[in-house]
N, C-alpha and C. Protein backbone atom coordinates (compact mmCIF):
# COMPACT_ATOMS: atom_id res chain seq x y z
N MET A 1 -16.63 11.23 17.08
CA MET A 1 -15.24 11.37 16.61
C MET A 1 -15.00 10.40 15.45
N TYR A 2 -14.66 10.95 14.31
CA TYR A 2 -14.40 10.12 13.14
C TYR A 2 -12.95 9.65 13.15
N GLN A 3 -12.75 8.41 12.74
CA GLN A 3 -11.40 7.85 12.75
C GLN A 3 -10.81 7.82 11.35
N TYR A 4 -9.67 8.47 11.22
CA TYR A 4 -8.94 8.43 9.96
C TYR A 4 -8.26 7.07 9.81
N PHE A 5 -8.17 6.61 8.57
CA PHE A 5 -7.40 5.41 8.28
C PHE A 5 -6.23 5.80 7.40
N ASN A 6 -5.03 5.41 7.83
CA ASN A 6 -3.79 5.71 7.11
C ASN A 6 -3.26 4.38 6.56
N SER A 7 -3.27 4.23 5.24
CA SER A 7 -2.98 2.92 4.65
C SER A 7 -1.51 2.55 4.62
N HIS A 8 -0.62 3.54 4.88
CA HIS A 8 0.82 3.23 4.79
C HIS A 8 1.61 4.33 5.49
N THR A 9 2.22 3.97 6.61
CA THR A 9 3.03 4.96 7.32
C THR A 9 4.23 4.28 7.98
N HIS A 10 5.27 5.07 8.18
CA HIS A 10 6.46 4.60 8.89
C HIS A 10 6.50 5.17 10.31
N HIS A 11 5.47 5.96 10.68
CA HIS A 11 5.50 6.67 11.96
C HIS A 11 4.16 6.49 12.68
N LEU A 12 4.22 6.16 13.96
CA LEU A 12 3.02 6.02 14.76
C LEU A 12 2.38 7.37 15.02
N SER A 13 1.05 7.39 15.03
CA SER A 13 0.33 8.61 15.43
C SER A 13 -0.72 8.21 16.46
N ASP A 14 -1.35 9.21 17.06
CA ASP A 14 -2.35 8.89 18.09
C ASP A 14 -3.76 9.24 17.65
N ASN A 15 -3.93 9.60 16.38
CA ASN A 15 -5.27 10.01 15.95
C ASN A 15 -5.76 9.27 14.71
N ALA A 16 -5.14 8.12 14.40
CA ALA A 16 -5.55 7.39 13.20
C ALA A 16 -5.37 5.89 13.39
N LEU A 17 -6.20 5.15 12.71
CA LEU A 17 -5.95 3.73 12.52
C LEU A 17 -4.99 3.63 11.35
N GLU A 18 -3.94 2.87 11.49
CA GLU A 18 -2.91 2.93 10.46
C GLU A 18 -2.21 1.59 10.29
N ILE A 19 -1.73 1.37 9.07
CA ILE A 19 -0.87 0.22 8.80
C ILE A 19 0.57 0.69 8.84
N ILE A 20 1.30 0.17 9.79
CA ILE A 20 2.69 0.58 10.01
C ILE A 20 3.60 -0.29 9.15
N ASN A 21 4.42 0.36 8.35
CA ASN A 21 5.34 -0.37 7.48
C ASN A 21 6.58 -0.80 8.26
N ALA A 22 6.89 -2.08 8.18
CA ALA A 22 8.12 -2.61 8.78
C ALA A 22 8.95 -3.26 7.69
N PHE A 23 10.25 -3.16 7.81
CA PHE A 23 11.14 -3.85 6.88
C PHE A 23 11.48 -5.21 7.48
N VAL A 24 11.20 -6.25 6.73
CA VAL A 24 11.28 -7.59 7.31
C VAL A 24 12.68 -7.95 7.77
N GLN A 25 13.70 -7.32 7.17
CA GLN A 25 15.08 -7.64 7.58
C GLN A 25 15.41 -7.02 8.94
N ASP A 26 14.61 -6.05 9.39
CA ASP A 26 14.82 -5.44 10.70
C ASP A 26 14.05 -6.23 11.75
N GLU A 27 14.45 -6.07 12.99
CA GLU A 27 13.73 -6.74 14.06
C GLU A 27 12.51 -5.90 14.42
N PHE A 28 11.35 -6.51 14.44
CA PHE A 28 10.15 -5.83 14.92
C PHE A 28 9.31 -6.85 15.65
N ILE A 29 8.53 -6.37 16.59
CA ILE A 29 7.73 -7.26 17.43
C ILE A 29 6.28 -7.21 16.96
N PRO A 30 5.76 -8.29 16.41
CA PRO A 30 4.35 -8.32 16.01
C PRO A 30 3.46 -8.03 17.21
N SER A 31 2.38 -7.31 16.97
CA SER A 31 1.48 -6.94 18.06
C SER A 31 0.04 -7.07 17.61
N GLY A 32 -0.78 -7.64 18.46
CA GLY A 32 -2.20 -7.74 18.15
C GLY A 32 -2.90 -6.41 18.19
N LYS A 33 -2.24 -5.39 18.78
CA LYS A 33 -2.86 -4.08 18.90
C LYS A 33 -2.43 -3.12 17.79
N LYS A 34 -1.59 -3.59 16.89
CA LYS A 34 -1.13 -2.74 15.78
C LYS A 34 -1.31 -3.48 14.47
N LEU A 35 -1.54 -2.71 13.43
CA LEU A 35 -1.62 -3.27 12.09
C LEU A 35 -0.26 -3.08 11.43
N ILE A 36 0.37 -4.17 11.04
CA ILE A 36 1.73 -4.09 10.50
C ILE A 36 1.79 -4.77 9.14
N SER A 37 2.48 -4.13 8.21
CA SER A 37 2.82 -4.78 6.95
C SER A 37 4.33 -4.91 6.90
N ALA A 38 4.81 -5.96 6.25
CA ALA A 38 6.26 -6.16 6.17
C ALA A 38 6.61 -6.86 4.87
N GLY A 39 7.80 -6.54 4.38
CA GLY A 39 8.30 -7.16 3.16
C GLY A 39 9.70 -6.64 2.89
N ILE A 40 10.25 -7.02 1.74
CA ILE A 40 11.56 -6.51 1.33
C ILE A 40 11.32 -5.42 0.28
N HIS A 41 11.66 -4.20 0.63
CA HIS A 41 11.53 -3.07 -0.30
C HIS A 41 12.55 -3.25 -1.42
N PRO A 42 12.17 -2.97 -2.68
CA PRO A 42 13.13 -3.10 -3.78
C PRO A 42 14.43 -2.32 -3.56
N TRP A 43 14.34 -1.18 -2.87
CA TRP A 43 15.54 -0.38 -2.62
C TRP A 43 16.54 -1.09 -1.72
N HIS A 44 16.07 -2.08 -0.96
CA HIS A 44 16.93 -2.75 0.02
C HIS A 44 17.51 -4.06 -0.48
N LEU A 45 17.16 -4.46 -1.68
CA LEU A 45 17.56 -5.78 -2.17
C LEU A 45 19.07 -5.98 -2.21
N GLU A 46 19.80 -4.90 -2.47
CA GLU A 46 21.27 -5.00 -2.54
C GLU A 46 21.90 -5.26 -1.18
N ASN A 47 21.18 -4.90 -0.12
CA ASN A 47 21.80 -4.89 1.20
C ASN A 47 21.25 -5.92 2.17
N VAL A 48 20.43 -6.84 1.67
CA VAL A 48 19.90 -7.88 2.56
C VAL A 48 20.25 -9.26 2.02
N VAL A 49 20.20 -10.23 2.91
CA VAL A 49 20.29 -11.62 2.48
C VAL A 49 18.86 -12.03 2.13
N ILE A 50 18.57 -12.11 0.84
CA ILE A 50 17.19 -12.25 0.39
C ILE A 50 16.52 -13.50 0.95
N GLU A 51 17.19 -14.64 0.86
CA GLU A 51 16.59 -15.89 1.33
C GLU A 51 16.28 -15.83 2.82
N GLU A 52 17.18 -15.24 3.57
CA GLU A 52 16.98 -15.12 5.02
C GLU A 52 15.80 -14.21 5.33
N SER A 53 15.70 -13.11 4.60
CA SER A 53 14.60 -12.17 4.82
C SER A 53 13.26 -12.78 4.45
N LEU A 54 13.22 -13.54 3.36
CA LEU A 54 11.98 -14.21 2.98
C LEU A 54 11.58 -15.25 4.02
N SER A 55 12.56 -15.92 4.60
CA SER A 55 12.28 -16.88 5.66
C SER A 55 11.68 -16.19 6.88
N LYS A 56 12.21 -15.01 7.22
CA LYS A 56 11.67 -14.23 8.34
C LYS A 56 10.22 -13.83 8.05
N LEU A 57 9.96 -13.46 6.80
CA LEU A 57 8.61 -13.07 6.42
C LEU A 57 7.64 -14.23 6.62
N GLU A 58 8.05 -15.41 6.22
CA GLU A 58 7.22 -16.61 6.42
C GLU A 58 6.94 -16.85 7.90
N GLN A 59 7.94 -16.61 8.73
CA GLN A 59 7.79 -16.85 10.17
C GLN A 59 6.80 -15.87 10.81
N LYS A 60 6.73 -14.65 10.28
CA LYS A 60 5.93 -13.60 10.91
C LYS A 60 4.61 -13.34 10.20
N VAL A 61 4.37 -14.02 9.10
CA VAL A 61 3.25 -13.65 8.23
C VAL A 61 1.89 -13.70 8.92
N LYS A 62 1.69 -14.63 9.81
CA LYS A 62 0.37 -14.76 10.44
C LYS A 62 0.02 -13.55 11.30
N SER A 63 1.02 -12.86 11.78
CA SER A 63 0.77 -11.68 12.62
C SER A 63 0.62 -10.40 11.80
N LEU A 64 0.85 -10.49 10.50
CA LEU A 64 0.83 -9.30 9.65
C LEU A 64 -0.57 -9.02 9.09
N THR A 65 -0.83 -7.74 8.89
CA THR A 65 -2.08 -7.31 8.24
C THR A 65 -1.95 -7.40 6.73
N ALA A 66 -0.75 -7.13 6.23
CA ALA A 66 -0.50 -7.16 4.78
C ALA A 66 0.96 -7.49 4.52
N ILE A 67 1.25 -7.89 3.29
CA ILE A 67 2.62 -8.16 2.85
C ILE A 67 3.11 -6.96 2.05
N GLY A 68 4.28 -6.47 2.39
CA GLY A 68 4.87 -5.35 1.66
C GLY A 68 5.29 -4.23 2.59
N GLU A 69 6.01 -3.23 2.17
CA GLU A 69 5.87 -2.99 0.76
C GLU A 69 6.91 -3.78 -0.03
N THR A 70 6.49 -4.17 -1.20
CA THR A 70 7.33 -4.90 -2.13
C THR A 70 6.88 -4.53 -3.53
N GLY A 71 7.66 -4.88 -4.54
CA GLY A 71 7.23 -4.54 -5.88
C GLY A 71 8.37 -4.45 -6.87
N LEU A 72 8.19 -3.58 -7.87
CA LEU A 72 9.16 -3.44 -8.95
C LEU A 72 9.49 -1.97 -9.17
N ASP A 73 10.76 -1.70 -9.46
CA ASP A 73 11.24 -0.33 -9.62
C ASP A 73 12.23 -0.28 -10.77
N ARG A 74 11.87 0.39 -11.86
CA ARG A 74 12.75 0.45 -13.03
C ARG A 74 13.79 1.57 -12.94
N VAL A 75 13.77 2.34 -11.88
CA VAL A 75 14.75 3.43 -11.73
C VAL A 75 16.02 2.95 -11.03
N ILE A 76 15.89 2.02 -10.10
CA ILE A 76 17.06 1.57 -9.35
C ILE A 76 17.94 0.65 -10.20
N GLN A 77 19.17 0.45 -9.76
CA GLN A 77 20.15 -0.33 -10.52
C GLN A 77 20.03 -1.84 -10.33
N PHE A 78 19.36 -2.26 -9.27
CA PHE A 78 19.27 -3.70 -8.99
C PHE A 78 18.60 -4.41 -10.16
N PRO A 79 19.15 -5.55 -10.62
CA PRO A 79 18.64 -6.23 -11.81
C PRO A 79 17.13 -6.48 -11.76
N PHE A 80 16.45 -6.08 -12.83
CA PHE A 80 14.99 -6.11 -12.85
C PHE A 80 14.45 -7.54 -12.75
N GLU A 81 15.08 -8.48 -13.41
CA GLU A 81 14.60 -9.86 -13.35
C GLU A 81 14.72 -10.44 -11.95
N LYS A 82 15.77 -10.03 -11.23
CA LYS A 82 15.92 -10.48 -9.84
C LYS A 82 14.85 -9.83 -8.96
N GLN A 83 14.54 -8.56 -9.24
CA GLN A 83 13.43 -7.91 -8.53
C GLN A 83 12.15 -8.71 -8.71
N LYS A 84 11.90 -9.12 -9.95
CA LYS A 84 10.69 -9.90 -10.25
C LYS A 84 10.65 -11.20 -9.45
N GLU A 85 11.79 -11.85 -9.39
CA GLU A 85 11.88 -13.12 -8.67
C GLU A 85 11.49 -12.94 -7.20
N VAL A 86 12.04 -11.90 -6.58
CA VAL A 86 11.75 -11.64 -5.16
C VAL A 86 10.28 -11.24 -4.99
N PHE A 87 9.79 -10.41 -5.90
CA PHE A 87 8.39 -9.99 -5.88
C PHE A 87 7.46 -11.21 -5.93
N LYS A 88 7.78 -12.14 -6.80
CA LYS A 88 6.95 -13.34 -6.94
C LYS A 88 6.96 -14.19 -5.66
N HIS A 89 8.08 -14.21 -4.97
CA HIS A 89 8.13 -14.93 -3.68
C HIS A 89 7.16 -14.28 -2.68
N HIS A 90 7.13 -12.96 -2.66
CA HIS A 90 6.19 -12.25 -1.78
C HIS A 90 4.75 -12.62 -2.14
N ILE A 91 4.48 -12.64 -3.44
CA ILE A 91 3.12 -12.96 -3.90
C ILE A 91 2.72 -14.37 -3.47
N GLU A 92 3.62 -15.31 -3.60
CA GLU A 92 3.32 -16.69 -3.20
C GLU A 92 2.95 -16.75 -1.72
N ILE A 93 3.69 -16.02 -0.90
CA ILE A 93 3.41 -16.00 0.54
C ILE A 93 2.05 -15.35 0.79
N ALA A 94 1.80 -14.22 0.13
CA ALA A 94 0.54 -13.49 0.32
C ALA A 94 -0.66 -14.33 -0.10
N GLU A 95 -0.56 -14.99 -1.23
CA GLU A 95 -1.69 -15.79 -1.72
C GLU A 95 -1.93 -17.00 -0.81
N ARG A 96 -0.85 -17.62 -0.37
CA ARG A 96 -0.98 -18.81 0.48
C ARG A 96 -1.64 -18.47 1.81
N HIS A 97 -1.30 -17.30 2.35
CA HIS A 97 -1.82 -16.91 3.66
C HIS A 97 -2.98 -15.92 3.56
N GLN A 98 -3.43 -15.67 2.34
CA GLN A 98 -4.57 -14.78 2.08
C GLN A 98 -4.37 -13.40 2.71
N LYS A 99 -3.27 -12.79 2.34
CA LYS A 99 -2.94 -11.44 2.82
C LYS A 99 -2.93 -10.47 1.64
N PRO A 100 -3.54 -9.29 1.80
CA PRO A 100 -3.39 -8.26 0.77
C PRO A 100 -1.95 -7.78 0.72
N MET A 101 -1.60 -7.07 -0.35
CA MET A 101 -0.22 -6.62 -0.53
C MET A 101 -0.15 -5.10 -0.69
N ILE A 102 0.93 -4.53 -0.16
CA ILE A 102 1.25 -3.11 -0.35
C ILE A 102 2.35 -3.05 -1.41
N ILE A 103 2.04 -2.38 -2.52
CA ILE A 103 2.92 -2.43 -3.69
C ILE A 103 3.69 -1.12 -3.89
N HIS A 104 5.00 -1.27 -4.06
CA HIS A 104 5.89 -0.17 -4.50
C HIS A 104 6.10 -0.36 -5.99
N CYS A 105 5.74 0.64 -6.78
CA CYS A 105 5.85 0.50 -8.24
C CYS A 105 6.35 1.80 -8.85
N VAL A 106 7.49 1.74 -9.51
CA VAL A 106 8.05 2.91 -10.19
C VAL A 106 8.32 2.55 -11.65
N ARG A 107 7.57 3.19 -12.53
CA ARG A 107 7.71 2.99 -13.98
C ARG A 107 7.62 1.52 -14.38
N ALA A 108 6.77 0.79 -13.68
CA ALA A 108 6.69 -0.66 -13.94
C ALA A 108 5.26 -1.18 -13.81
N TYR A 109 4.28 -0.33 -14.07
CA TYR A 109 2.89 -0.75 -13.89
C TYR A 109 2.53 -1.93 -14.79
N SER A 110 2.93 -1.87 -16.06
CA SER A 110 2.59 -2.97 -16.97
C SER A 110 3.28 -4.27 -16.54
N ASP A 111 4.50 -4.14 -16.03
CA ASP A 111 5.23 -5.33 -15.55
C ASP A 111 4.52 -5.96 -14.35
N VAL A 112 4.09 -5.10 -13.43
CA VAL A 112 3.42 -5.60 -12.23
C VAL A 112 2.10 -6.28 -12.60
N LEU A 113 1.35 -5.65 -13.50
CA LEU A 113 0.09 -6.25 -13.93
C LEU A 113 0.30 -7.58 -14.65
N GLN A 114 1.38 -7.66 -15.40
CA GLN A 114 1.68 -8.92 -16.10
C GLN A 114 1.97 -10.03 -15.09
N VAL A 115 2.71 -9.70 -14.04
CA VAL A 115 2.99 -10.68 -12.99
C VAL A 115 1.69 -11.10 -12.30
N ARG A 116 0.83 -10.12 -12.03
CA ARG A 116 -0.45 -10.44 -11.38
C ARG A 116 -1.27 -11.41 -12.24
N LYS A 117 -1.25 -11.17 -13.55
CA LYS A 117 -1.98 -12.05 -14.47
C LYS A 117 -1.36 -13.44 -14.53
N GLU A 118 -0.03 -13.48 -14.67
CA GLU A 118 0.67 -14.77 -14.77
C GLU A 118 0.44 -15.64 -13.55
N MET A 119 0.44 -15.00 -12.37
CA MET A 119 0.33 -15.77 -11.13
C MET A 119 -1.12 -15.96 -10.67
N LYS A 120 -2.05 -15.44 -11.48
CA LYS A 120 -3.48 -15.62 -11.20
C LYS A 120 -3.82 -15.21 -9.77
N CYS A 121 -3.36 -14.03 -9.40
CA CYS A 121 -3.52 -13.55 -8.02
C CYS A 121 -4.98 -13.24 -7.70
N LYS A 122 -5.37 -13.59 -6.51
CA LYS A 122 -6.73 -13.33 -6.04
C LYS A 122 -6.77 -12.26 -4.95
N MET A 123 -5.68 -12.09 -4.22
CA MET A 123 -5.67 -11.12 -3.13
C MET A 123 -5.55 -9.70 -3.68
N PRO A 124 -6.18 -8.74 -3.00
CA PRO A 124 -6.09 -7.35 -3.47
C PRO A 124 -4.71 -6.75 -3.22
N TRP A 125 -4.33 -5.82 -4.08
CA TRP A 125 -3.07 -5.10 -3.95
C TRP A 125 -3.37 -3.61 -3.79
N VAL A 126 -2.62 -2.96 -2.92
CA VAL A 126 -2.72 -1.50 -2.74
C VAL A 126 -1.44 -0.87 -3.27
N PHE A 127 -1.57 -0.07 -4.32
CA PHE A 127 -0.41 0.63 -4.88
C PHE A 127 -0.20 1.91 -4.08
N HIS A 128 0.81 1.87 -3.22
CA HIS A 128 1.01 3.01 -2.32
C HIS A 128 1.74 4.14 -3.05
N GLY A 129 1.44 5.37 -2.63
CA GLY A 129 2.07 6.54 -3.25
C GLY A 129 1.81 6.60 -4.74
N PHE A 130 0.57 6.31 -5.15
CA PHE A 130 0.27 6.23 -6.59
C PHE A 130 0.53 7.57 -7.27
N MET A 131 1.21 7.48 -8.44
CA MET A 131 1.58 8.69 -9.18
C MET A 131 1.26 8.56 -10.67
N GLY A 132 0.49 7.55 -11.04
CA GLY A 132 0.18 7.34 -12.45
C GLY A 132 -0.95 8.22 -12.95
N ASN A 133 -1.37 7.96 -14.19
CA ASN A 133 -2.45 8.74 -14.80
C ASN A 133 -3.77 7.99 -14.74
N VAL A 134 -4.82 8.58 -15.31
CA VAL A 134 -6.16 7.99 -15.25
C VAL A 134 -6.20 6.63 -15.94
N GLN A 135 -5.54 6.52 -17.08
CA GLN A 135 -5.55 5.26 -17.82
C GLN A 135 -4.93 4.13 -17.00
N ILE A 136 -3.77 4.40 -16.41
CA ILE A 136 -3.11 3.38 -15.58
C ILE A 136 -3.97 3.05 -14.37
N ALA A 137 -4.53 4.09 -13.75
CA ALA A 137 -5.38 3.89 -12.57
C ALA A 137 -6.54 2.95 -12.89
N ASN A 138 -7.21 3.18 -14.00
CA ASN A 138 -8.35 2.33 -14.36
C ASN A 138 -7.91 0.91 -14.68
N GLN A 139 -6.75 0.75 -15.29
CA GLN A 139 -6.23 -0.59 -15.57
C GLN A 139 -6.03 -1.36 -14.26
N LEU A 140 -5.46 -0.69 -13.27
CA LEU A 140 -5.21 -1.33 -11.98
C LEU A 140 -6.52 -1.67 -11.28
N ILE A 141 -7.44 -0.72 -11.29
CA ILE A 141 -8.71 -0.92 -10.60
C ILE A 141 -9.49 -2.10 -11.19
N THR A 142 -9.49 -2.20 -12.52
CA THR A 142 -10.23 -3.30 -13.16
C THR A 142 -9.60 -4.66 -12.87
N LYS A 143 -8.35 -4.67 -12.43
CA LYS A 143 -7.66 -5.92 -12.09
C LYS A 143 -7.69 -6.21 -10.60
N GLY A 144 -8.56 -5.51 -9.87
CA GLY A 144 -8.71 -5.81 -8.45
C GLY A 144 -7.73 -5.12 -7.54
N CYS A 145 -7.20 -3.98 -8.00
CA CYS A 145 -6.20 -3.25 -7.20
C CYS A 145 -6.79 -1.95 -6.65
N PHE A 146 -6.11 -1.41 -5.64
CA PHE A 146 -6.50 -0.17 -4.99
C PHE A 146 -5.35 0.82 -5.10
N LEU A 147 -5.68 2.11 -5.02
CA LEU A 147 -4.68 3.17 -5.14
C LEU A 147 -4.62 3.95 -3.84
N SER A 148 -3.42 4.20 -3.35
CA SER A 148 -3.25 4.99 -2.14
C SER A 148 -2.48 6.26 -2.47
N PHE A 149 -3.03 7.39 -2.03
CA PHE A 149 -2.46 8.70 -2.35
C PHE A 149 -1.91 9.37 -1.09
N GLY A 150 -0.78 10.05 -1.26
CA GLY A 150 -0.15 10.71 -0.13
C GLY A 150 0.16 12.17 -0.39
N LYS A 151 1.35 12.58 0.01
CA LYS A 151 1.75 13.99 -0.02
C LYS A 151 1.62 14.63 -1.40
N ALA A 152 1.80 13.84 -2.45
CA ALA A 152 1.79 14.40 -3.81
C ALA A 152 0.49 15.11 -4.14
N ILE A 153 -0.64 14.69 -3.54
CA ILE A 153 -1.90 15.35 -3.90
C ILE A 153 -2.01 16.75 -3.30
N LEU A 154 -1.13 17.07 -2.35
CA LEU A 154 -1.11 18.43 -1.79
C LEU A 154 -0.37 19.40 -2.70
N GLN A 155 0.31 18.87 -3.69
CA GLN A 155 1.09 19.68 -4.61
C GLN A 155 0.29 19.99 -5.87
N GLN A 156 0.83 20.87 -6.70
CA GLN A 156 0.18 21.21 -7.97
C GLN A 156 0.44 20.10 -8.99
N ARG A 157 -0.40 19.10 -8.95
CA ARG A 157 -0.27 17.95 -9.85
C ARG A 157 -1.62 17.67 -10.50
N PRO A 158 -1.96 18.42 -11.54
CA PRO A 158 -3.29 18.29 -12.16
C PRO A 158 -3.61 16.87 -12.63
N LYS A 159 -2.63 16.15 -13.18
CA LYS A 159 -2.89 14.80 -13.67
C LYS A 159 -3.26 13.85 -12.53
N LEU A 160 -2.60 14.03 -11.40
CA LEU A 160 -2.89 13.18 -10.24
C LEU A 160 -4.25 13.55 -9.65
N HIS A 161 -4.55 14.83 -9.60
CA HIS A 161 -5.85 15.28 -9.11
C HIS A 161 -6.97 14.72 -9.99
N LYS A 162 -6.70 14.65 -11.29
CA LYS A 162 -7.67 14.10 -12.23
C LYS A 162 -7.96 12.63 -11.93
N VAL A 163 -6.93 11.90 -11.53
CA VAL A 163 -7.12 10.49 -11.15
C VAL A 163 -8.12 10.38 -10.01
N ILE A 164 -7.95 11.21 -9.00
CA ILE A 164 -8.84 11.17 -7.84
C ILE A 164 -10.27 11.54 -8.23
N GLN A 165 -10.39 12.51 -9.12
CA GLN A 165 -11.71 13.00 -9.50
C GLN A 165 -12.43 12.10 -10.50
N GLU A 166 -11.67 11.36 -11.31
CA GLU A 166 -12.29 10.64 -12.43
C GLU A 166 -12.27 9.12 -12.31
N THR A 167 -11.68 8.59 -11.26
CA THR A 167 -11.71 7.13 -11.06
C THR A 167 -12.50 6.81 -9.80
N ASP A 168 -12.77 5.55 -9.60
CA ASP A 168 -13.69 5.10 -8.55
C ASP A 168 -13.12 5.35 -7.15
N SER A 169 -13.76 6.24 -6.41
CA SER A 169 -13.27 6.57 -5.06
C SER A 169 -13.31 5.38 -4.12
N ARG A 170 -14.12 4.38 -4.46
CA ARG A 170 -14.22 3.18 -3.62
C ARG A 170 -12.96 2.31 -3.71
N CYS A 171 -12.05 2.72 -4.60
CA CYS A 171 -10.76 2.02 -4.74
C CYS A 171 -9.60 2.92 -4.34
N HIS A 172 -9.90 3.99 -3.59
CA HIS A 172 -8.87 4.94 -3.16
C HIS A 172 -8.66 4.87 -1.66
N LEU A 173 -7.41 5.02 -1.24
CA LEU A 173 -7.05 5.19 0.17
C LEU A 173 -6.07 6.35 0.28
N PHE A 174 -5.81 6.77 1.53
CA PHE A 174 -4.87 7.86 1.77
C PHE A 174 -3.78 7.42 2.75
N GLU A 175 -2.61 8.07 2.65
CA GLU A 175 -1.45 7.66 3.44
C GLU A 175 -0.53 8.85 3.72
N THR A 176 0.40 8.64 4.66
CA THR A 176 1.44 9.65 4.93
C THR A 176 2.83 9.15 4.59
N ASP A 177 3.00 7.85 4.36
CA ASP A 177 4.28 7.24 4.01
C ASP A 177 5.34 7.56 5.07
N ASP A 178 6.53 8.01 4.66
CA ASP A 178 7.63 8.18 5.63
C ASP A 178 7.86 9.63 6.02
N ASP A 179 6.90 10.51 5.76
CA ASP A 179 7.05 11.93 6.10
C ASP A 179 6.58 12.16 7.54
N PRO A 180 7.50 12.44 8.47
CA PRO A 180 7.11 12.59 9.87
C PRO A 180 6.31 13.86 10.14
N ASP A 181 6.37 14.82 9.22
CA ASP A 181 5.67 16.09 9.42
C ASP A 181 4.30 16.14 8.75
N LEU A 182 4.00 15.16 7.93
CA LEU A 182 2.72 15.16 7.22
C LEU A 182 1.64 14.54 8.10
N LYS A 183 0.54 15.25 8.26
CA LYS A 183 -0.58 14.75 9.04
C LYS A 183 -1.62 14.14 8.10
N ILE A 184 -2.16 13.01 8.49
CA ILE A 184 -3.13 12.33 7.63
C ILE A 184 -4.35 13.21 7.40
N GLU A 185 -4.68 14.08 8.36
CA GLU A 185 -5.82 14.98 8.17
C GLU A 185 -5.64 15.88 6.95
N GLU A 186 -4.39 16.31 6.71
CA GLU A 186 -4.13 17.18 5.56
C GLU A 186 -4.44 16.48 4.25
N VAL A 187 -4.07 15.21 4.18
CA VAL A 187 -4.31 14.44 2.95
C VAL A 187 -5.81 14.25 2.75
N TYR A 188 -6.52 13.93 3.83
CA TYR A 188 -7.97 13.75 3.73
C TYR A 188 -8.67 15.05 3.35
N GLN A 189 -8.22 16.15 3.92
CA GLN A 189 -8.85 17.44 3.60
C GLN A 189 -8.71 17.77 2.12
N LYS A 190 -7.52 17.51 1.57
CA LYS A 190 -7.32 17.74 0.14
C LYS A 190 -8.16 16.75 -0.67
N GLY A 191 -8.22 15.51 -0.22
CA GLY A 191 -9.05 14.53 -0.91
C GLY A 191 -10.51 14.94 -0.95
N ALA A 192 -11.04 15.42 0.18
CA ALA A 192 -12.43 15.87 0.24
C ALA A 192 -12.67 17.02 -0.72
N LEU A 193 -11.70 17.92 -0.81
CA LEU A 193 -11.80 19.05 -1.73
C LEU A 193 -11.87 18.57 -3.18
N LEU A 194 -11.03 17.60 -3.51
CA LEU A 194 -11.01 17.08 -4.88
C LEU A 194 -12.28 16.27 -5.19
N TYR A 195 -12.77 15.54 -4.22
CA TYR A 195 -14.00 14.78 -4.41
C TYR A 195 -15.24 15.68 -4.40
N GLN A 196 -15.07 16.88 -3.83
CA GLN A 196 -16.20 17.79 -3.58
C GLN A 196 -17.22 17.11 -2.67
N CYS A 197 -16.68 16.55 -1.58
CA CYS A 197 -17.50 15.83 -0.59
C CYS A 197 -17.21 16.37 0.80
N ASP A 198 -18.13 16.11 1.72
CA ASP A 198 -17.88 16.44 3.11
C ASP A 198 -16.75 15.56 3.64
N LEU A 199 -15.91 16.14 4.47
CA LEU A 199 -14.77 15.40 5.03
C LEU A 199 -15.23 14.15 5.76
N LYS A 200 -16.29 14.26 6.55
CA LYS A 200 -16.74 13.10 7.33
C LYS A 200 -17.16 11.94 6.42
N ASP A 201 -17.71 12.26 5.26
CA ASP A 201 -18.11 11.20 4.32
C ASP A 201 -16.89 10.49 3.74
N VAL A 202 -15.84 11.26 3.49
CA VAL A 202 -14.60 10.68 2.97
C VAL A 202 -13.97 9.77 4.03
N ILE A 203 -13.94 10.25 5.27
CA ILE A 203 -13.37 9.45 6.36
C ILE A 203 -14.13 8.13 6.50
N GLU A 204 -15.46 8.21 6.46
CA GLU A 204 -16.28 7.01 6.60
C GLU A 204 -16.06 6.04 5.44
N GLU A 205 -15.97 6.60 4.23
CA GLU A 205 -15.77 5.74 3.06
C GLU A 205 -14.45 4.99 3.13
N LYS A 206 -13.38 5.71 3.47
CA LYS A 206 -12.06 5.07 3.51
C LYS A 206 -11.97 4.02 4.62
N LEU A 207 -12.63 4.30 5.73
CA LEU A 207 -12.61 3.32 6.83
C LEU A 207 -13.35 2.05 6.41
N GLN A 208 -14.45 2.20 5.70
CA GLN A 208 -15.20 1.03 5.24
C GLN A 208 -14.39 0.23 4.22
N ILE A 209 -13.72 0.92 3.31
CA ILE A 209 -12.84 0.24 2.35
C ILE A 209 -11.78 -0.56 3.10
N ALA A 210 -11.17 0.09 4.10
CA ALA A 210 -10.09 -0.55 4.86
C ALA A 210 -10.59 -1.77 5.62
N LYS A 211 -11.78 -1.69 6.19
CA LYS A 211 -12.34 -2.82 6.93
C LYS A 211 -12.56 -4.03 6.02
N ASN A 212 -12.94 -3.76 4.79
CA ASN A 212 -13.14 -4.85 3.83
C ASN A 212 -11.81 -5.42 3.33
N LEU A 213 -10.84 -4.53 3.13
CA LEU A 213 -9.53 -4.94 2.61
C LEU A 213 -8.69 -5.66 3.64
N PHE A 214 -8.74 -5.14 4.86
CA PHE A 214 -7.87 -5.62 5.94
C PHE A 214 -8.74 -6.10 7.11
N PRO A 215 -9.23 -7.33 7.07
CA PRO A 215 -10.14 -7.82 8.11
C PRO A 215 -9.61 -7.65 9.53
N LYS A 216 -8.29 -7.68 9.66
CA LYS A 216 -7.69 -7.55 11.00
C LYS A 216 -8.03 -6.21 11.65
N LEU A 217 -8.33 -5.22 10.82
CA LEU A 217 -8.69 -3.90 11.32
C LEU A 217 -9.92 -3.97 12.22
N ASN A 218 -10.84 -4.86 11.90
CA ASN A 218 -12.08 -4.96 12.68
C ASN A 218 -11.81 -5.34 14.13
N ASP A 219 -10.69 -5.99 14.40
CA ASP A 219 -10.35 -6.37 15.77
C ASP A 219 -9.99 -5.15 16.62
N LEU A 220 -9.65 -4.04 15.97
CA LEU A 220 -9.25 -2.84 16.71
C LEU A 220 -10.41 -1.88 16.92
N LEU A 221 -11.54 -2.16 16.31
CA LEU A 221 -12.67 -1.23 16.37
C LEU A 221 -13.65 -1.61 17.47
């Protein structure tokens, strides 16, 4: 039985190893039997007490598999410079505790990469729900980042399919995000089709990537 790895989900399943996204401002119970990431989502910045939420993140960080999702979003109204400030606080926590990060990025790839360069980050970042092109993908990969693909690859999106086919699969992961009806198997099946590989080989590759990225995963195997 091959085990699927789901790099970012808001819903528990019974057939995959998965990183469950939690919002740090909400109450959640850390568990040694679950892989959890937590952070302040850019969409929530208007509605949380930022300092309090960052303090909660510090308190729970040792139990987390990753920090995030967090990042930058140029579509929302919340001031971009304030977004950057909060993002940098997440990075400081992640680097200090040697945790990878789950990144939310909308129309801000160059900004995020600039922050990564400025802060001399060493921990890997996973750009969840990646929707960029081949050029952006390669820029991220060369800077030590990973790309996670979800429901969008099931749609008619030739540019996104090209990213999967033309960039390094060893830097790719798959996810279901917050869609309760999307099965991780569907995403993997489409990925295998695009890679022109056997499904079992794709499952094995992604699990190995995940084990290297998220050492805590090895405790569950």
